[in-house]
Amino acid sequence: MGIQLPRIIKKSLLAAANQSAGGAAWKAEVPKGHVAVYIIGEKQRKRFVVPISYLNHPLFQDLLNKAEEEFGFDHPIVGALTIPCDENYFLGLTSQLNCL
């Protein structure tokens, strides 16, 4: 059973792979089976590494749809998945997904 990645994830991961040095460094810091995401809150941007399994959950996909609506495929951070979201909401969501 394979994981179906949303379009926004596929495009972001492809952009990261196509980056020369920057893409390689970004990929090296992410453990296998995980993906790095940047949360852009009201005051700052913060990086999180989450399991790929989160990407299929409907609540996480809502965040991905929100990111696609706001940024399209032109993310502020090249080669990284950027999600416009309050940090506290993201932490709560990932805590819920971690308990499943």
N, C-alpha and C. Protein backbone atom coordinates (compact mmCIF):
# COMPACT_ATOMS: atom_id res chain seq x y z
N MET A 1 0.85 -1.17 0.00
CA MET A 1 0.00 0.00 0.00
C MET A 1 0.89 1.23 0.00
N GLY A 2 0.83 2.02 -1.06
CA GLY A 2 1.65 3.22 -1.17
C GLY A 2 0.96 4.43 -0.62
N ILE A 3 1.75 5.43 -0.36
CA ILE A 3 1.21 6.70 0.14
C ILE A 3 0.99 7.62 -1.05
N GLN A 4 -0.19 8.16 -1.17
CA GLN A 4 -0.50 9.13 -2.22
C GLN A 4 -0.19 10.52 -1.71
N LEU A 5 0.85 11.14 -2.26
CA LEU A 5 1.23 12.47 -1.83
C LEU A 5 0.40 13.51 -2.56
N PRO A 6 -0.07 14.53 -1.86
CA PRO A 6 -0.78 15.62 -2.52
C PRO A 6 0.14 16.33 -3.50
N ARG A 7 -0.45 17.01 -4.49
CA ARG A 7 0.32 17.72 -5.52
C ARG A 7 1.33 18.67 -4.92
N ILE A 8 0.94 19.38 -3.86
CA ILE A 8 1.83 20.39 -3.28
C ILE A 8 3.08 19.74 -2.70
N ILE A 9 2.95 18.54 -2.13
CA ILE A 9 4.10 17.85 -1.58
C ILE A 9 5.01 17.38 -2.71
N LYS A 10 4.43 16.79 -3.75
CA LYS A 10 5.23 16.31 -4.87
C LYS A 10 6.05 17.44 -5.48
N LYS A 11 5.41 18.60 -5.70
CA LYS A 11 6.10 19.74 -6.29
C LYS A 11 7.21 20.25 -5.37
N SER A 12 6.95 20.31 -4.07
CA SER A 12 7.95 20.81 -3.12
C SER A 12 9.14 19.87 -3.03
N LEU A 13 8.87 18.57 -2.99
CA LEU A 13 9.96 17.61 -2.91
C LEU A 13 10.77 17.60 -4.19
N LEU A 14 10.12 17.76 -5.33
CA LEU A 14 10.83 17.83 -6.61
C LEU A 14 11.71 19.07 -6.65
N ALA A 15 11.21 20.19 -6.17
CA ALA A 15 12.01 21.42 -6.14
C ALA A 15 13.23 21.24 -5.25
N ALA A 16 13.05 20.55 -4.12
CA ALA A 16 14.18 20.32 -3.21
C ALA A 16 15.22 19.43 -3.87
N ALA A 17 14.77 18.42 -4.59
CA ALA A 17 15.72 17.51 -5.24
C ALA A 17 16.47 18.21 -6.36
N ASN A 18 15.84 19.20 -7.00
CA ASN A 18 16.47 19.90 -8.11
C ASN A 18 17.42 21.00 -7.66
N GLN A 19 17.36 21.37 -6.39
CA GLN A 19 18.29 22.38 -5.87
C GLN A 19 19.69 21.79 -5.85
N SER A 20 20.69 22.56 -6.13
CA SER A 20 22.05 22.01 -6.11
C SER A 20 22.50 21.78 -4.68
N ALA A 21 23.27 22.66 -4.11
CA ALA A 21 23.79 22.46 -2.75
C ALA A 21 22.70 22.64 -1.70
N GLY A 22 21.86 23.65 -1.85
CA GLY A 22 20.82 23.92 -0.85
C GLY A 22 19.86 22.77 -0.70
N GLY A 23 19.45 22.17 -1.81
CA GLY A 23 18.52 21.04 -1.75
C GLY A 23 19.14 19.84 -1.08
N ALA A 24 20.41 19.58 -1.37
CA ALA A 24 21.08 18.42 -0.78
C ALA A 24 21.21 18.58 0.73
N ALA A 25 21.54 19.78 1.19
CA ALA A 25 21.67 20.02 2.63
C ALA A 25 20.31 19.88 3.31
N TRP A 26 19.26 20.37 2.66
CA TRP A 26 17.93 20.29 3.24
C TRP A 26 17.51 18.84 3.38
N LYS A 27 17.73 18.02 2.35
CA LYS A 27 17.35 16.62 2.38
C LYS A 27 18.15 15.85 3.42
N ALA A 28 19.42 16.18 3.60
CA ALA A 28 20.28 15.44 4.51
C ALA A 28 19.82 15.58 5.96
N GLU A 29 19.17 16.64 6.30
CA GLU A 29 18.76 16.89 7.68
C GLU A 29 17.44 16.22 8.04
N VAL A 30 16.77 15.62 7.08
CA VAL A 30 15.46 15.03 7.31
C VAL A 30 15.59 13.51 7.33
N PRO A 31 15.21 12.87 8.44
CA PRO A 31 15.32 11.41 8.51
C PRO A 31 14.40 10.73 7.50
N LYS A 32 14.77 9.53 7.11
CA LYS A 32 13.96 8.76 6.19
C LYS A 32 12.56 8.58 6.77
N GLY A 33 11.55 8.74 5.91
CA GLY A 33 10.16 8.58 6.35
C GLY A 33 9.56 9.85 6.94
N HIS A 34 10.28 10.96 6.83
CA HIS A 34 9.82 12.24 7.36
C HIS A 34 9.92 13.32 6.28
N VAL A 35 9.29 14.44 6.54
CA VAL A 35 9.36 15.59 5.65
C VAL A 35 9.49 16.86 6.50
N ALA A 36 10.27 17.80 6.02
CA ALA A 36 10.42 19.07 6.73
C ALA A 36 9.34 20.03 6.25
N VAL A 37 8.74 20.74 7.18
CA VAL A 37 7.76 21.77 6.84
C VAL A 37 8.12 23.03 7.61
N TYR A 38 7.82 24.15 7.01
CA TYR A 38 7.99 25.44 7.69
C TYR A 38 6.62 26.01 7.97
N ILE A 39 6.43 26.40 9.21
CA ILE A 39 5.19 27.02 9.64
C ILE A 39 5.43 28.52 9.70
N ILE A 40 4.62 29.26 8.96
CA ILE A 40 4.74 30.71 8.98
C ILE A 40 3.58 31.24 9.81
N GLY A 41 3.89 31.63 11.02
CA GLY A 41 2.89 32.17 11.92
C GLY A 41 2.84 33.68 11.81
N GLU A 42 2.24 34.31 12.81
CA GLU A 42 2.10 35.76 12.80
C GLU A 42 3.45 36.47 12.96
N LYS A 43 4.35 35.90 13.76
CA LYS A 43 5.58 36.61 14.08
C LYS A 43 6.83 36.01 13.45
N GLN A 44 6.85 34.69 13.28
CA GLN A 44 8.09 34.07 12.81
C GLN A 44 7.82 32.82 11.99
N ARG A 45 8.89 32.31 11.41
CA ARG A 45 8.85 31.06 10.65
C ARG A 45 9.60 30.01 11.47
N LYS A 46 9.05 28.81 11.54
CA LYS A 46 9.67 27.76 12.32
C LYS A 46 9.64 26.45 11.54
N ARG A 47 10.73 25.69 11.63
CA ARG A 47 10.87 24.43 10.90
C ARG A 47 10.51 23.25 11.80
N PHE A 48 9.74 22.32 11.23
CA PHE A 48 9.37 21.09 11.92
C PHE A 48 9.64 19.92 10.98
N VAL A 49 9.95 18.78 11.54
CA VAL A 49 10.09 17.55 10.77
C VAL A 49 8.99 16.61 11.24
N VAL A 50 8.14 16.19 10.31
CA VAL A 50 7.00 15.34 10.67
C VAL A 50 7.04 14.06 9.86
N PRO A 51 6.44 12.98 10.39
CA PRO A 51 6.37 11.73 9.64
C PRO A 51 5.54 11.90 8.36
N ILE A 52 5.94 11.21 7.32
CA ILE A 52 5.20 11.29 6.05
C ILE A 52 3.77 10.81 6.23
N SER A 53 3.53 9.92 7.16
CA SER A 53 2.18 9.39 7.38
C SER A 53 1.18 10.50 7.71
N TYR A 54 1.65 11.61 8.27
CA TYR A 54 0.75 12.73 8.58
C TYR A 54 0.12 13.31 7.32
N LEU A 55 0.81 13.20 6.21
CA LEU A 55 0.36 13.84 4.98
C LEU A 55 -0.96 13.28 4.47
N ASN A 56 -1.31 12.08 4.84
CA ASN A 56 -2.57 11.48 4.39
C ASN A 56 -3.74 11.78 5.32
N HIS A 57 -3.48 12.33 6.47
CA HIS A 57 -4.56 12.60 7.42
C HIS A 57 -5.37 13.82 6.96
N PRO A 58 -6.71 13.73 7.03
CA PRO A 58 -7.55 14.83 6.55
C PRO A 58 -7.27 16.19 7.21
N LEU A 59 -6.96 16.21 8.51
CA LEU A 59 -6.66 17.48 9.16
C LEU A 59 -5.37 18.11 8.62
N PHE A 60 -4.36 17.27 8.37
CA PHE A 60 -3.12 17.79 7.82
C PHE A 60 -3.32 18.21 6.37
N GLN A 61 -4.15 17.48 5.64
CA GLN A 61 -4.42 17.85 4.26
C GLN A 61 -5.15 19.19 4.17
N ASP A 62 -5.94 19.51 5.18
CA ASP A 62 -6.57 20.85 5.23
C ASP A 62 -5.49 21.94 5.26
N LEU A 63 -4.43 21.70 6.05
CA LEU A 63 -3.33 22.66 6.09
C LEU A 63 -2.63 22.75 4.74
N LEU A 64 -2.45 21.61 4.08
CA LEU A 64 -1.79 21.61 2.77
C LEU A 64 -2.63 22.35 1.73
N ASN A 65 -3.94 22.19 1.81
CA ASN A 65 -4.82 22.93 0.89
C ASN A 65 -4.74 24.42 1.16
N LYS A 66 -4.66 24.79 2.42
CA LYS A 66 -4.53 26.21 2.79
C LYS A 66 -3.22 26.78 2.23
N ALA A 67 -2.16 25.99 2.32
CA ALA A 67 -0.86 26.42 1.78
C ALA A 67 -0.93 26.57 0.27
N GLU A 68 -1.60 25.65 -0.40
CA GLU A 68 -1.73 25.73 -1.85
C GLU A 68 -2.53 26.97 -2.26
N GLU A 69 -3.58 27.27 -1.50
CA GLU A 69 -4.39 28.46 -1.80
C GLU A 69 -3.58 29.74 -1.63
N GLU A 70 -2.77 29.78 -0.56
CA GLU A 70 -2.03 31.01 -0.28
C GLU A 70 -0.79 31.18 -1.16
N PHE A 71 -0.04 30.11 -1.33
CA PHE A 71 1.24 30.21 -2.04
C PHE A 71 1.23 29.61 -3.43
N GLY A 72 0.26 28.76 -3.75
CA GLY A 72 0.34 27.98 -4.99
C GLY A 72 1.54 27.07 -4.88
N PHE A 73 2.35 27.03 -5.92
CA PHE A 73 3.57 26.23 -5.87
C PHE A 73 4.80 27.11 -5.79
N ASP A 74 4.60 28.38 -5.50
CA ASP A 74 5.69 29.34 -5.38
C ASP A 74 5.88 29.65 -3.90
N HIS A 75 6.59 28.77 -3.20
CA HIS A 75 6.76 28.90 -1.76
C HIS A 75 7.82 29.94 -1.42
N PRO A 76 7.66 30.62 -0.28
CA PRO A 76 8.65 31.60 0.15
C PRO A 76 10.03 30.97 0.38
N ILE A 77 10.06 29.70 0.76
CA ILE A 77 11.32 29.01 1.01
C ILE A 77 11.47 27.96 -0.09
N VAL A 78 12.38 28.17 -1.02
CA VAL A 78 12.52 27.29 -2.16
C VAL A 78 12.90 25.89 -1.71
N GLY A 79 12.18 24.91 -2.22
CA GLY A 79 12.49 23.52 -1.91
C GLY A 79 11.94 23.03 -0.59
N ALA A 80 11.15 23.82 0.08
CA ALA A 80 10.58 23.40 1.36
C ALA A 80 9.07 23.61 1.34
N LEU A 81 8.38 22.78 2.05
CA LEU A 81 6.94 22.90 2.18
C LEU A 81 6.66 23.96 3.23
N THR A 82 5.92 24.99 2.84
CA THR A 82 5.62 26.10 3.74
C THR A 82 4.12 26.13 4.00
N ILE A 83 3.75 26.18 5.27
CA ILE A 83 2.34 26.16 5.64
C ILE A 83 2.02 27.42 6.45
N PRO A 84 1.03 28.21 5.99
CA PRO A 84 0.61 29.38 6.76
C PRO A 84 -0.32 28.91 7.89
N CYS A 85 0.19 28.96 9.11
CA CYS A 85 -0.56 28.37 10.22
C CYS A 85 0.00 28.92 11.53
N ASP A 86 -0.86 29.04 12.50
CA ASP A 86 -0.43 29.41 13.84
C ASP A 86 0.37 28.24 14.44
N GLU A 87 1.49 28.55 15.04
CA GLU A 87 2.37 27.50 15.59
C GLU A 87 1.65 26.66 16.65
N ASN A 88 0.88 27.29 17.51
CA ASN A 88 0.16 26.54 18.55
C ASN A 88 -0.85 25.56 17.95
N TYR A 89 -1.53 25.99 16.88
CA TYR A 89 -2.47 25.11 16.20
C TYR A 89 -1.73 23.92 15.61
N PHE A 90 -0.59 24.17 14.96
CA PHE A 90 0.19 23.11 14.34
C PHE A 90 0.68 22.12 15.40
N LEU A 91 1.17 22.63 16.52
CA LEU A 91 1.64 21.75 17.59
C LEU A 91 0.49 20.89 18.14
N GLY A 92 -0.67 21.48 18.30
CA GLY A 92 -1.83 20.73 18.77
C GLY A 92 -2.25 19.66 17.78
N LEU A 93 -2.24 20.01 16.51
CA LEU A 93 -2.60 19.06 15.47
C LEU A 93 -1.63 17.89 15.42
N THR A 94 -0.34 18.19 15.44
CA THR A 94 0.64 17.11 15.38
C THR A 94 0.60 16.25 16.65
N SER A 95 0.26 16.85 17.78
CA SER A 95 0.10 16.06 19.01
C SER A 95 -1.06 15.08 18.87
N GLN A 96 -2.15 15.54 18.27
CA GLN A 96 -3.31 14.65 18.04
C GLN A 96 -2.93 13.52 17.09
N LEU A 97 -2.22 13.86 16.03
CA LEU A 97 -1.85 12.85 15.04
C LEU A 97 -0.84 11.86 15.62
N ASN A 98 -0.02 12.33 16.54
CA ASN A 98 0.97 11.46 17.17
C ASN A 98 0.31 10.41 18.06
N CYS A 99 -0.85 10.74 18.59
CA CYS A 99 -1.56 9.82 19.49
C CYS A 99 -2.34 8.75 18.72
N LEU A 100 -2.52 8.93 17.43
CA LEU A 100 -3.32 7.96 16.65
C LEU A 100 -2.55 6.70 16.37
